[in-house]
């Protein structure tokens, strides 16, 4: 069985998510922290789709991405069995970080917007420049004219 996989269309990555019972509280509404989990999975999938192997880099002692800033605005609740899509776009790419906007959508309805800064850090947690090959892959994805 293949895990869910996202796809890139232009400057956006789309990652499908379904709200399961374990994602909800007693009222059947998705627990607030799960939005951050879904967004993390979408960012990890984006790296995989771009051809970035974060696990190999970590195992080689090069480093990984870690969230250094996050801001979230919840607009509507997700509910049990909803089919959602996490839409990700990279807004800015710096030497050691990337700023991304993620939108959790149910169809055309915006449920949550998450603004993230992911920093590239050594295994010891110190910031360092992203690998050049990764930057080149990411540069193709960074939003140019949209905002």
N, C-alpha and C. Protein backbone atom coordinates (compact mmCIF):
# COMPACT_ATOMS: atom_id res chain seq x y z
N UNK A 1 0.84 -1.18 0.00
CA UNK A 1 0.00 0.00 0.00
C UNK A 1 0.88 1.24 0.00
N UNK A 2 0.66 2.13 -0.94
CA UNK A 2 1.42 3.36 -1.05
C UNK A 2 0.84 4.42 -0.10
N UNK A 3 1.71 5.16 0.58
CA UNK A 3 1.21 6.27 1.39
C UNK A 3 0.71 7.38 0.48
N UNK A 4 -0.10 8.31 1.02
CA UNK A 4 -0.58 9.40 0.16
C UNK A 4 0.59 10.18 -0.39
N UNK A 5 0.42 10.68 -1.58
CA UNK A 5 1.46 11.46 -2.21
C UNK A 5 0.86 12.72 -2.80
N UNK A 6 1.61 13.78 -2.67
CA UNK A 6 1.16 15.03 -3.21
C UNK A 6 1.68 15.24 -4.62
N UNK A 7 1.32 16.39 -5.17
CA UNK A 7 1.78 16.72 -6.51
C UNK A 7 2.04 18.21 -6.59
N UNK A 8 2.95 18.56 -7.49
CA UNK A 8 3.26 19.96 -7.72
C UNK A 8 2.57 20.39 -9.00
N UNK A 9 1.89 21.53 -8.91
CA UNK A 9 1.30 22.17 -10.08
C UNK A 9 1.76 23.61 -10.06
N UNK A 10 2.65 23.95 -10.99
CA UNK A 10 3.19 25.31 -11.02
C UNK A 10 4.01 25.58 -9.78
N UNK A 11 3.61 26.60 -9.03
CA UNK A 11 4.34 26.97 -7.81
C UNK A 11 3.62 26.50 -6.54
N UNK A 12 2.76 25.49 -6.69
CA UNK A 12 2.01 24.98 -5.54
C UNK A 12 2.14 23.47 -5.43
N UNK A 13 2.19 23.01 -4.20
CA UNK A 13 2.19 21.58 -3.90
C UNK A 13 0.87 21.28 -3.22
N UNK A 14 0.22 20.20 -3.64
CA UNK A 14 -1.07 19.81 -3.08
C UNK A 14 -0.92 18.43 -2.44
N UNK A 15 -1.36 18.33 -1.18
CA UNK A 15 -1.23 17.08 -0.42
C UNK A 15 -2.59 16.70 0.17
N UNK A 16 -3.11 15.52 -0.18
CA UNK A 16 -4.44 15.12 0.31
C UNK A 16 -4.39 14.60 1.75
N UNK A 17 -5.43 14.93 2.50
CA UNK A 17 -5.57 14.49 3.89
C UNK A 17 -7.04 14.14 4.13
N UNK A 18 -7.28 13.11 4.89
CA UNK A 18 -8.64 12.79 5.33
C UNK A 18 -8.66 12.91 6.85
N UNK A 19 -9.76 13.43 7.38
CA UNK A 19 -9.90 13.56 8.83
C UNK A 19 -10.44 12.24 9.37
N UNK A 20 -9.64 11.57 10.17
CA UNK A 20 -10.03 10.31 10.79
C UNK A 20 -10.50 10.54 12.22
N UNK A 21 -11.15 9.53 12.78
CA UNK A 21 -11.67 9.61 14.14
C UNK A 21 -10.59 10.06 15.12
N UNK A 22 -9.38 9.52 14.97
CA UNK A 22 -8.28 9.85 15.88
C UNK A 22 -7.86 11.33 15.79
N UNK A 23 -8.26 12.01 14.73
CA UNK A 23 -7.92 13.43 14.54
C UNK A 23 -8.90 14.37 15.22
N UNK A 24 -10.00 13.82 15.76
CA UNK A 24 -11.09 14.66 16.25
C UNK A 24 -11.21 14.64 17.77
N UNK A 25 -11.95 15.62 18.28
CA UNK A 25 -12.29 15.62 19.70
C UNK A 25 -13.67 14.96 19.85
N UNK A 26 -14.25 15.05 21.00
CA UNK A 26 -15.54 14.39 21.25
C UNK A 26 -16.67 14.91 20.37
N UNK A 27 -16.52 16.13 19.86
CA UNK A 27 -17.59 16.71 19.04
C UNK A 27 -17.45 16.36 17.56
N UNK A 28 -16.39 15.62 17.20
CA UNK A 28 -16.18 15.27 15.80
C UNK A 28 -15.45 16.34 15.01
N UNK A 29 -14.93 17.35 15.69
CA UNK A 29 -14.17 18.42 15.05
C UNK A 29 -12.68 18.12 15.19
N UNK A 30 -11.93 18.40 14.13
CA UNK A 30 -10.49 18.13 14.16
C UNK A 30 -9.81 18.94 15.25
N UNK A 31 -8.99 18.27 16.04
CA UNK A 31 -8.23 18.89 17.11
C UNK A 31 -7.24 19.87 16.50
N UNK A 32 -7.08 21.04 17.11
CA UNK A 32 -6.30 22.13 16.52
C UNK A 32 -4.86 21.76 16.18
N UNK A 33 -4.20 20.95 16.98
CA UNK A 33 -2.79 20.60 16.72
C UNK A 33 -2.63 19.74 15.48
N UNK A 34 -3.68 19.06 15.06
CA UNK A 34 -3.57 18.20 13.88
C UNK A 34 -3.33 18.98 12.59
N UNK A 35 -3.76 20.23 12.55
CA UNK A 35 -3.48 21.05 11.37
C UNK A 35 -1.97 21.19 11.17
N UNK A 36 -1.24 21.37 12.27
CA UNK A 36 0.21 21.47 12.17
C UNK A 36 0.83 20.14 11.72
N UNK A 37 0.28 19.03 12.19
CA UNK A 37 0.76 17.71 11.74
C UNK A 37 0.52 17.52 10.25
N UNK A 38 -0.67 17.88 9.78
CA UNK A 38 -0.98 17.73 8.36
C UNK A 38 -0.05 18.60 7.52
N UNK A 39 0.22 19.81 8.00
CA UNK A 39 1.12 20.71 7.27
C UNK A 39 2.55 20.17 7.26
N UNK A 40 2.98 19.59 8.35
CA UNK A 40 4.32 18.98 8.41
C UNK A 40 4.42 17.84 7.39
N UNK A 41 3.41 17.00 7.34
CA UNK A 41 3.42 15.90 6.35
C UNK A 41 3.47 16.46 4.93
N UNK A 42 2.73 17.53 4.69
CA UNK A 42 2.73 18.13 3.35
C UNK A 42 4.10 18.68 3.00
N UNK A 43 4.78 19.34 3.95
CA UNK A 43 6.13 19.86 3.68
C UNK A 43 7.12 18.72 3.45
N UNK A 44 7.01 17.66 4.23
CA UNK A 44 7.89 16.50 4.03
C UNK A 44 7.65 15.89 2.66
N UNK A 45 6.39 15.80 2.26
CA UNK A 45 6.06 15.26 0.94
C UNK A 45 6.58 16.17 -0.16
N UNK A 46 6.48 17.47 0.03
CA UNK A 46 7.01 18.42 -0.95
C UNK A 46 8.49 18.16 -1.18
N UNK A 47 9.26 17.98 -0.12
CA UNK A 47 10.69 17.71 -0.26
C UNK A 47 10.91 16.44 -1.07
N UNK A 48 10.13 15.40 -0.75
CA UNK A 48 10.27 14.13 -1.46
C UNK A 48 9.95 14.30 -2.93
N UNK A 49 8.86 15.02 -3.25
CA UNK A 49 8.47 15.24 -4.64
C UNK A 49 9.53 16.06 -5.38
N UNK A 50 10.17 17.00 -4.68
CA UNK A 50 11.23 17.79 -5.30
C UNK A 50 12.51 16.99 -5.52
N UNK A 51 12.62 15.83 -4.86
CA UNK A 51 13.83 15.00 -4.99
C UNK A 51 14.83 15.22 -3.87
N UNK A 52 14.38 15.81 -2.76
CA UNK A 52 15.25 16.07 -1.61
C UNK A 52 15.08 14.93 -0.61
N UNK A 53 16.19 14.27 -0.27
CA UNK A 53 16.16 13.15 0.66
C UNK A 53 16.66 13.62 2.03
N UNK A 54 15.72 14.09 2.85
CA UNK A 54 16.07 14.63 4.15
C UNK A 54 16.67 13.57 5.08
N UNK A 55 16.18 12.36 5.00
CA UNK A 55 16.70 11.29 5.86
C UNK A 55 18.16 11.00 5.56
N UNK A 56 18.51 10.91 4.27
CA UNK A 56 19.90 10.64 3.89
C UNK A 56 20.81 11.77 4.37
N UNK A 57 20.34 13.00 4.27
CA UNK A 57 21.15 14.15 4.72
C UNK A 57 21.36 14.09 6.23
N UNK A 58 20.31 13.72 6.96
CA UNK A 58 20.45 13.61 8.41
C UNK A 58 21.42 12.50 8.77
N UNK A 59 21.25 11.33 8.13
CA UNK A 59 22.12 10.20 8.43
C UNK A 59 23.58 10.47 8.05
N UNK A 60 23.79 11.33 7.06
CA UNK A 60 25.16 11.69 6.65
C UNK A 60 25.72 12.81 7.52
N UNK A 61 24.92 13.32 8.46
CA UNK A 61 25.40 14.37 9.36
C UNK A 61 25.34 15.76 8.76
N UNK A 62 24.64 15.92 7.63
CA UNK A 62 24.57 17.23 6.98
C UNK A 62 23.56 18.16 7.65
N UNK A 63 22.40 17.63 8.00
CA UNK A 63 21.38 18.44 8.64
C UNK A 63 20.00 18.16 8.09
N UNK A 64 19.03 18.89 8.62
CA UNK A 64 17.62 18.75 8.24
C UNK A 64 16.93 20.10 8.40
N UNK A 65 15.71 20.16 7.88
CA UNK A 65 14.88 21.34 8.10
C UNK A 65 14.15 21.20 9.43
N UNK A 66 14.06 22.32 10.14
CA UNK A 66 13.29 22.38 11.39
C UNK A 66 12.50 23.68 11.40
N UNK A 67 11.28 23.62 11.88
CA UNK A 67 10.46 24.82 11.94
C UNK A 67 11.04 25.78 12.98
N UNK A 68 11.29 27.02 12.56
CA UNK A 68 11.80 28.02 13.49
C UNK A 68 10.75 29.09 13.82
N UNK A 69 9.73 29.20 12.97
CA UNK A 69 8.61 30.12 13.22
C UNK A 69 7.34 29.50 12.65
N UNK A 70 6.23 29.73 13.34
CA UNK A 70 4.93 29.27 12.84
C UNK A 70 3.84 30.20 13.32
N UNK A 71 2.95 30.53 12.41
CA UNK A 71 1.78 31.33 12.75
C UNK A 71 0.60 30.67 12.07
N UNK A 72 -0.48 30.46 12.82
CA UNK A 72 -1.64 29.78 12.25
C UNK A 72 -2.91 30.58 12.54
N UNK A 73 -3.77 30.61 11.54
CA UNK A 73 -5.08 31.26 11.68
C UNK A 73 -6.13 30.23 11.29
N UNK A 74 -6.95 29.81 12.26
CA UNK A 74 -8.04 28.88 11.99
C UNK A 74 -9.25 29.68 11.56
N UNK A 75 -9.90 29.22 10.49
CA UNK A 75 -11.06 29.95 9.97
C UNK A 75 -12.34 29.13 10.08
N UNK A 76 -12.26 27.84 9.81
CA UNK A 76 -13.42 26.96 9.86
C UNK A 76 -12.95 25.59 10.39
N UNK A 77 -13.82 24.87 11.06
CA UNK A 77 -13.41 23.56 11.57
C UNK A 77 -13.45 22.46 10.50
N UNK A 78 -12.48 21.57 10.55
CA UNK A 78 -12.55 20.33 9.77
C UNK A 78 -13.30 19.32 10.63
N UNK A 79 -14.01 18.42 9.97
CA UNK A 79 -14.84 17.46 10.70
C UNK A 79 -14.51 16.03 10.27
N UNK A 80 -14.92 15.11 11.09
CA UNK A 80 -14.71 13.69 10.84
C UNK A 80 -15.06 13.33 9.41
N UNK A 81 -14.15 12.65 8.74
CA UNK A 81 -14.28 12.12 7.38
C UNK A 81 -14.18 13.17 6.28
N UNK A 82 -13.88 14.42 6.62
CA UNK A 82 -13.66 15.43 5.58
C UNK A 82 -12.44 15.06 4.74
N UNK A 83 -12.54 15.34 3.45
CA UNK A 83 -11.39 15.22 2.55
C UNK A 83 -10.80 16.62 2.41
N UNK A 84 -9.55 16.76 2.80
CA UNK A 84 -8.88 18.04 2.79
C UNK A 84 -7.69 18.01 1.85
N UNK A 85 -7.21 19.18 1.51
CA UNK A 85 -5.97 19.32 0.75
C UNK A 85 -5.14 20.39 1.44
N UNK A 86 -3.86 20.07 1.68
CA UNK A 86 -2.92 21.07 2.19
C UNK A 86 -2.18 21.61 0.98
N UNK A 87 -2.34 22.89 0.75
CA UNK A 87 -1.71 23.58 -0.38
C UNK A 87 -0.50 24.35 0.15
N UNK A 88 0.67 24.10 -0.42
CA UNK A 88 1.90 24.73 0.05
C UNK A 88 2.54 25.51 -1.07
N UNK A 89 3.01 26.70 -0.74
CA UNK A 89 3.85 27.44 -1.67
C UNK A 89 5.00 28.07 -0.91
N UNK A 90 6.16 28.07 -1.52
CA UNK A 90 7.35 28.68 -0.93
C UNK A 90 7.37 30.14 -1.35
N UNK A 91 7.42 31.03 -0.37
CA UNK A 91 7.38 32.45 -0.64
C UNK A 91 8.76 33.08 -0.72
N UNK A 92 9.71 32.53 0.03
CA UNK A 92 11.04 33.12 0.08
C UNK A 92 12.06 32.04 0.41
N UNK A 93 13.19 32.10 -0.27
CA UNK A 93 14.27 31.14 -0.05
C UNK A 93 15.51 31.91 0.32
N UNK A 94 16.06 31.61 1.48
CA UNK A 94 17.29 32.26 1.95
C UNK A 94 18.39 31.21 2.07
N UNK A 95 19.56 31.64 2.42
CA UNK A 95 20.71 30.73 2.49
C UNK A 95 20.45 29.54 3.41
N UNK A 96 19.82 29.80 4.57
CA UNK A 96 19.63 28.73 5.55
C UNK A 96 18.17 28.49 5.91
N UNK A 97 17.23 29.07 5.14
CA UNK A 97 15.82 28.89 5.50
C UNK A 97 14.91 29.09 4.30
N UNK A 98 13.67 28.68 4.49
CA UNK A 98 12.62 28.89 3.49
C UNK A 98 11.36 29.31 4.23
N UNK A 99 10.68 30.31 3.68
CA UNK A 99 9.40 30.76 4.23
C UNK A 99 8.30 30.23 3.35
N UNK A 100 7.30 29.57 3.96
CA UNK A 100 6.22 28.95 3.22
C UNK A 100 4.86 29.35 3.77
N UNK A 101 3.90 29.36 2.86
CA UNK A 101 2.50 29.54 3.24
C UNK A 101 1.80 28.23 2.95
N UNK A 102 1.02 27.77 3.93
CA UNK A 102 0.24 26.55 3.75
C UNK A 102 -1.21 26.86 4.06
N UNK A 103 -2.08 26.32 3.21
CA UNK A 103 -3.52 26.52 3.37
C UNK A 103 -4.18 25.15 3.44
N UNK A 104 -4.95 24.94 4.49
CA UNK A 104 -5.71 23.70 4.62
C UNK A 104 -7.10 24.00 4.06
N UNK A 105 -7.44 23.26 2.99
CA UNK A 105 -8.66 23.53 2.24
C UNK A 105 -9.61 22.33 2.29
N UNK A 106 -10.91 22.63 2.32
CA UNK A 106 -11.95 21.63 2.10
C UNK A 106 -12.68 22.12 0.86
N UNK A 107 -12.32 21.54 -0.29
CA UNK A 107 -12.84 22.07 -1.55
C UNK A 107 -12.28 23.46 -1.75
N UNK A 108 -13.19 24.43 -1.94
CA UNK A 108 -12.77 25.83 -2.12
C UNK A 108 -12.75 26.60 -0.80
N UNK A 109 -13.11 25.93 0.28
CA UNK A 109 -13.23 26.59 1.58
C UNK A 109 -11.91 26.53 2.36
N UNK A 110 -11.41 27.71 2.75
CA UNK A 110 -10.19 27.81 3.54
C UNK A 110 -10.51 27.51 5.00
N UNK A 111 -9.85 26.48 5.54
CA UNK A 111 -10.05 26.12 6.94
C UNK A 111 -8.99 26.72 7.86
N UNK A 112 -7.75 26.74 7.37
CA UNK A 112 -6.65 27.29 8.18
C UNK A 112 -5.54 27.75 7.26
N UNK A 113 -4.87 28.80 7.69
CA UNK A 113 -3.69 29.29 6.97
C UNK A 113 -2.52 29.26 7.93
N UNK A 114 -1.41 28.67 7.48
CA UNK A 114 -0.23 28.51 8.31
C UNK A 114 0.96 29.15 7.59
N UNK A 115 1.63 30.06 8.29
CA UNK A 115 2.86 30.66 7.77
C UNK A 115 4.02 30.07 8.55
N UNK A 116 4.97 29.50 7.82
CA UNK A 116 6.06 28.73 8.42
C UNK A 116 7.40 29.23 7.92
N UNK A 117 8.39 29.26 8.81
CA UNK A 117 9.78 29.41 8.39
C UNK A 117 10.47 28.12 8.81
N UNK A 118 11.06 27.44 7.83
CA UNK A 118 11.81 26.21 8.10
C UNK A 118 13.28 26.53 7.90
N UNK A 119 14.06 26.32 8.94
CA UNK A 119 15.49 26.59 8.89
C UNK A 119 16.24 25.28 8.67
N UNK A 120 17.32 25.34 7.93
CA UNK A 120 18.17 24.17 7.77
C UNK A 120 19.16 24.18 8.92
N UNK A 121 19.22 23.09 9.68
CA UNK A 121 20.07 23.03 10.86
C UNK A 121 20.93 21.76 10.84
N UNK A 122 22.07 21.83 11.51
CA UNK A 122 22.94 20.69 11.67
C UNK A 122 22.28 19.69 12.62
N UNK A 123 22.79 18.46 12.71
CA UNK A 123 22.23 17.51 13.67
C UNK A 123 22.28 18.02 15.12
N UNK A 124 23.18 18.97 15.38
CA UNK A 124 23.28 19.56 16.72
C UNK A 124 22.30 20.73 16.91
N UNK A 125 21.58 21.10 15.85
CA UNK A 125 20.58 22.15 15.95
C UNK A 125 21.07 23.54 15.60
N UNK A 126 22.26 23.66 15.02
CA UNK A 126 22.78 24.97 14.64
C UNK A 126 22.41 25.28 13.19
N UNK A 127 22.04 26.53 12.90
CA UNK A 127 21.72 26.88 11.52
C UNK A 127 22.93 26.72 10.61
N UNK A 128 22.65 26.30 9.37
CA UNK A 128 23.70 26.23 8.37
C UNK A 128 23.08 26.41 7.00
N UNK A 129 23.91 26.71 6.01
CA UNK A 129 23.42 26.90 4.65
C UNK A 129 22.81 25.60 4.13
N UNK A 130 21.74 25.75 3.37
CA UNK A 130 21.13 24.59 2.73
C UNK A 130 22.10 24.04 1.68
N UNK A 131 22.08 22.75 1.45
CA UNK A 131 22.91 22.21 0.37
C UNK A 131 22.57 22.88 -0.97
N UNK A 132 23.60 23.18 -1.76
CA UNK A 132 23.38 23.86 -3.04
C UNK A 132 22.40 23.11 -3.94
N UNK A 133 22.51 21.78 -3.98
CA UNK A 133 21.59 21.00 -4.83
C UNK A 133 20.15 21.19 -4.36
N UNK A 134 19.92 21.25 -3.07
CA UNK A 134 18.57 21.45 -2.53
C UNK A 134 18.06 22.84 -2.90
N UNK A 135 18.93 23.83 -2.77
CA UNK A 135 18.53 25.21 -3.12
C UNK A 135 18.12 25.29 -4.59
N UNK A 136 18.87 24.64 -5.45
CA UNK A 136 18.52 24.66 -6.88
C UNK A 136 17.15 24.02 -7.11
N UNK A 137 16.86 22.92 -6.44
CA UNK A 137 15.55 22.28 -6.58
C UNK A 137 14.45 23.18 -6.03
N UNK A 138 14.69 23.79 -4.89
CA UNK A 138 13.70 24.66 -4.27
C UNK A 138 13.47 25.93 -5.09
N UNK A 139 14.52 26.48 -5.70
CA UNK A 139 14.39 27.70 -6.47
C UNK A 139 13.38 27.56 -7.60
N UNK A 140 13.25 26.36 -8.15
CA UNK A 140 12.28 26.12 -9.22
C UNK A 140 10.84 26.21 -8.71
N UNK A 141 10.67 26.03 -7.41
CA UNK A 141 9.35 25.97 -6.80
C UNK A 141 8.91 27.28 -6.17
N UNK A 142 9.86 28.16 -5.83
CA UNK A 142 9.53 29.39 -5.12
C UNK A 142 8.58 30.25 -5.95
N UNK A 143 7.54 30.76 -5.30
CA UNK A 143 6.57 31.63 -5.93
C UNK A 143 7.25 32.91 -6.40
N UNK A 144 7.08 33.23 -7.66
CA UNK A 144 7.73 34.42 -8.23
C UNK A 144 6.81 35.63 -8.22
N UNK A 145 5.70 35.55 -8.91
CA UNK A 145 4.86 36.73 -9.14
C UNK A 145 3.58 36.74 -8.32
N UNK A 146 3.26 35.64 -7.64
CA UNK A 146 2.02 35.56 -6.88
C UNK A 146 2.25 36.08 -5.46
N UNK A 147 1.23 36.55 -4.85
CA UNK A 147 1.31 36.89 -3.43
C UNK A 147 -0.06 36.93 -2.83
